[in-house]
Protein backbone atom coordinates (compact mmCIF):
# COMPACT_ATOMS: atom_id res chain seq x y z
CA MET A 1 23.98 -6.84 25.58
CA PRO A 2 27.46 -5.47 26.05
CA HIS A 3 29.98 -5.72 23.27
CA TRP A 4 33.66 -6.19 23.63
CA THR A 5 36.53 -4.44 21.99
CA LEU A 6 40.26 -5.03 21.84
CA ASP A 7 42.92 -2.34 21.75
CA GLY A 8 44.39 -1.99 18.29
CA ALA A 9 41.63 -3.98 16.57
CA ALA A 10 39.68 -2.92 13.50
CA TYR A 11 35.93 -3.54 13.42
CA PHE A 12 33.22 -4.00 10.84
CA VAL A 13 30.22 -1.99 12.03
CA THR A 14 26.79 -1.68 10.49
CA PHE A 15 24.30 1.00 11.46
CA ARG A 16 20.89 1.41 9.91
CA THR A 17 17.99 3.75 9.27
CA PHE A 18 15.17 3.54 11.79
CA ASP A 19 12.75 1.80 9.43
CA SER A 20 15.17 -0.54 7.67
CA LEU A 21 13.84 -3.56 9.57
CA PRO A 22 10.30 -3.94 10.86
CA LYS A 23 10.06 -3.92 14.65
CA HIS A 24 8.90 -7.54 14.77
CA VAL A 25 12.01 -8.57 12.81
CA THR A 26 14.40 -6.81 15.22
CA GLN A 27 12.54 -8.45 18.10
CA GLU A 28 12.89 -11.85 16.39
CA LEU A 29 16.62 -11.30 15.89
CA ARG A 30 17.10 -10.36 19.55
CA GLU A 31 15.09 -13.39 20.60
CA GLU A 32 17.22 -15.59 18.31
CA VAL A 33 20.35 -14.41 20.16
CA ARG A 34 18.70 -14.96 23.54
CA ILE A 35 17.62 -18.50 22.59
CA ALA A 36 21.05 -19.36 21.19
CA GLU A 37 22.69 -18.07 24.38
CA ALA A 38 20.30 -20.13 26.54
CA ALA A 39 20.99 -23.22 24.41
CA PHE A 40 24.71 -22.68 24.92
CA VAL A 41 24.22 -22.50 28.69
CA ARG A 42 22.18 -25.73 28.67
CA ARG A 43 24.74 -27.50 26.47
CA VAL A 44 27.94 -26.28 28.16
CA GLY A 45 26.70 -25.54 31.67
CA ARG A 46 27.96 -21.95 31.87
CA GLU A 47 27.45 -18.52 30.36
CA PRO A 48 29.28 -17.93 27.06
CA ASN A 49 32.46 -15.88 27.24
CA VAL A 50 32.86 -12.85 24.99
CA ILE A 51 34.35 -14.84 22.12
CA GLU A 52 31.58 -17.44 22.27
CA MET A 53 28.92 -14.73 22.52
CA ASN A 54 30.38 -12.99 19.50
CA ALA A 55 30.15 -16.27 17.54
CA ILE A 56 26.47 -16.56 18.53
CA ARG A 57 25.83 -12.99 17.36
CA TRP A 58 27.63 -13.55 14.05
CA LYS A 59 24.90 -15.99 13.00
CA THR A 60 22.18 -13.45 13.70
CA ALA A 61 24.20 -10.69 12.06
CA GLY A 62 24.35 -12.62 8.80
CA ARG A 63 20.58 -12.91 8.75
CA ALA A 64 20.20 -9.23 9.62
CA GLU A 65 22.57 -8.25 6.78
CA LYS A 66 20.49 -10.23 4.27
CA LEU A 67 17.33 -8.54 5.49
CA LEU A 68 18.94 -5.09 5.31
CA ASP A 69 20.04 -5.77 1.75
CA GLN A 70 16.39 -6.23 0.77
CA GLY A 71 16.06 -2.44 0.96
CA MET A 72 13.10 -2.20 3.33
CA GLY A 73 11.87 1.13 4.64
CA GLN A 74 12.06 4.56 3.07
CA CYS A 75 15.76 4.07 2.25
CA LEU A 76 16.58 7.52 3.62
CA ALA A 77 20.34 6.94 3.50
CA GLY A 78 20.09 6.72 -0.28
CA LYS A 79 18.22 10.00 -0.78
CA PRO A 80 20.06 12.79 -2.64
CA GLY A 81 22.69 14.43 -0.44
CA VAL A 82 22.54 11.90 2.39
CA PRO A 83 25.38 9.60 1.26
CA GLU A 84 27.62 12.69 1.09
CA ILE A 85 26.55 13.72 4.61
CA VAL A 86 27.31 10.26 5.99
CA THR A 87 30.67 10.11 4.21
CA ALA A 88 31.68 13.56 5.47
CA THR A 89 30.64 12.53 8.99
CA LEU A 90 32.72 9.36 8.83
CA PHE A 91 35.77 11.32 7.66
CA HIS A 92 35.41 14.11 10.22
CA PHE A 93 37.52 12.36 12.89
CA HIS A 94 39.48 10.08 10.54
CA LYS A 95 43.14 10.21 11.63
CA VAL A 96 42.05 12.00 14.83
CA ARG A 97 40.00 9.42 16.77
CA TYR A 98 40.20 6.44 14.41
CA ASP A 99 41.44 5.14 11.09
CA LEU A 100 38.62 4.75 8.60
CA HIS A 101 39.55 1.79 6.40
CA ALA A 102 36.41 1.40 4.28
CA TRP A 103 32.76 2.38 4.18
CA CYS A 104 29.70 1.82 2.06
CA VAL A 105 26.51 3.85 2.30
CA MET A 106 23.59 1.66 1.29
CA PRO A 107 20.03 2.99 0.89
CA ASN A 108 18.96 1.89 4.38
CA HIS A 109 22.19 1.14 6.24
CA VAL A 110 25.89 1.92 6.39
CA HIS A 111 28.87 -0.43 6.61
CA VAL A 112 32.14 0.82 8.09
CA ILE A 113 35.53 -0.74 8.80
CA VAL A 114 37.13 1.36 11.51
CA LYS A 115 40.10 1.07 13.84
CA PRO A 116 39.62 3.27 16.92
CA TYR A 117 42.69 4.87 18.46
CA GLU A 118 43.63 4.02 22.03
CA GLU A 119 41.36 5.67 24.60
CA GLN A 120 38.60 6.04 21.97
CA ASP A 121 35.34 4.19 22.64
CA LEU A 122 33.82 2.43 19.62
CA SER A 123 30.28 2.91 20.95
CA GLN A 124 30.83 6.67 21.27
CA ILE A 125 32.33 6.88 17.80
CA VAL A 126 29.29 5.16 16.27
CA LEU A 127 26.91 7.26 18.35
CA SER A 128 28.58 10.44 17.06
CA TRP A 129 28.29 9.23 13.43
CA LYS A 130 24.61 8.46 13.88
CA THR A 131 23.80 11.66 15.76
CA TRP A 132 25.59 14.02 13.37
CA SER A 133 24.41 12.25 10.22
CA ALA A 134 20.80 12.26 11.42
CA ARG A 135 20.93 15.97 12.30
CA ARG A 136 22.39 16.90 8.92
CA ALA A 137 19.95 14.62 7.06
CA ASN A 138 17.05 16.28 8.84
CA GLU A 139 18.34 19.62 7.56
CA VAL A 140 18.23 18.20 4.02
CA PHE A 141 14.72 16.82 4.58
CA ALA A 142 13.69 20.05 6.37
CA THR A 143 12.16 17.99 9.14
CA ARG A 144 12.87 16.61 12.60
CA ARG A 145 11.97 13.00 11.95
CA GLN A 146 13.85 9.97 13.14
CA VAL A 147 16.41 8.92 10.55
CA LEU A 148 18.70 6.38 12.20
CA ALA A 149 17.78 3.51 14.46
CA ALA A 150 18.03 4.23 18.18
CA GLY A 151 20.67 2.56 20.27
CA VAL A 152 24.33 1.99 19.65
CA LEU A 153 25.81 -1.34 18.60
CA ARG A 154 22.58 -3.20 19.10
CA PRO A 155 23.00 -6.95 18.67
CA ASP A 156 20.30 -7.26 16.05
CA CYS A 157 22.21 -5.44 13.36
CA GLU A 158 25.13 -3.40 14.62
CA ILE A 159 27.61 -6.01 15.66
CA PRO A 160 31.22 -4.94 15.63
CA ARG A 161 33.32 -7.66 14.13
CA ARG A 162 37.00 -7.86 14.95
CA LEU A 163 39.06 -8.10 11.79
């Protein structure tokens, strides 16, 4: 599902480790959004606009956040050295491509409040954080395993929220 952004807006973004939610849970969350969207269409008689779709996703995001906070998976983001890698990655383009307002590295996910500069794509910013952090974390783990969940701004848990 596409996400929408507004020039000059700040966003709350969550990205997660690959094993932070079981696959069946992410599928359930996606299905929840699909069902809610279909119910909206039946009730209103049209597709939801971006604001209405964001409201639908907010409900699922709250459930996803609660599940993430349960600390499922190997909690790779909390391993020694990884929070520092993620923080350094977030700050790398601070004041260049975006303003980093706040962040929190949890054991299996990361919360960020970011305000992209004009001409900067939020999806690309998040992709760069995930790619660089995962590469550096694999150096720490001396492996080439998957660290962060695939996809950028997936509706099940990586919903940008306009602040």
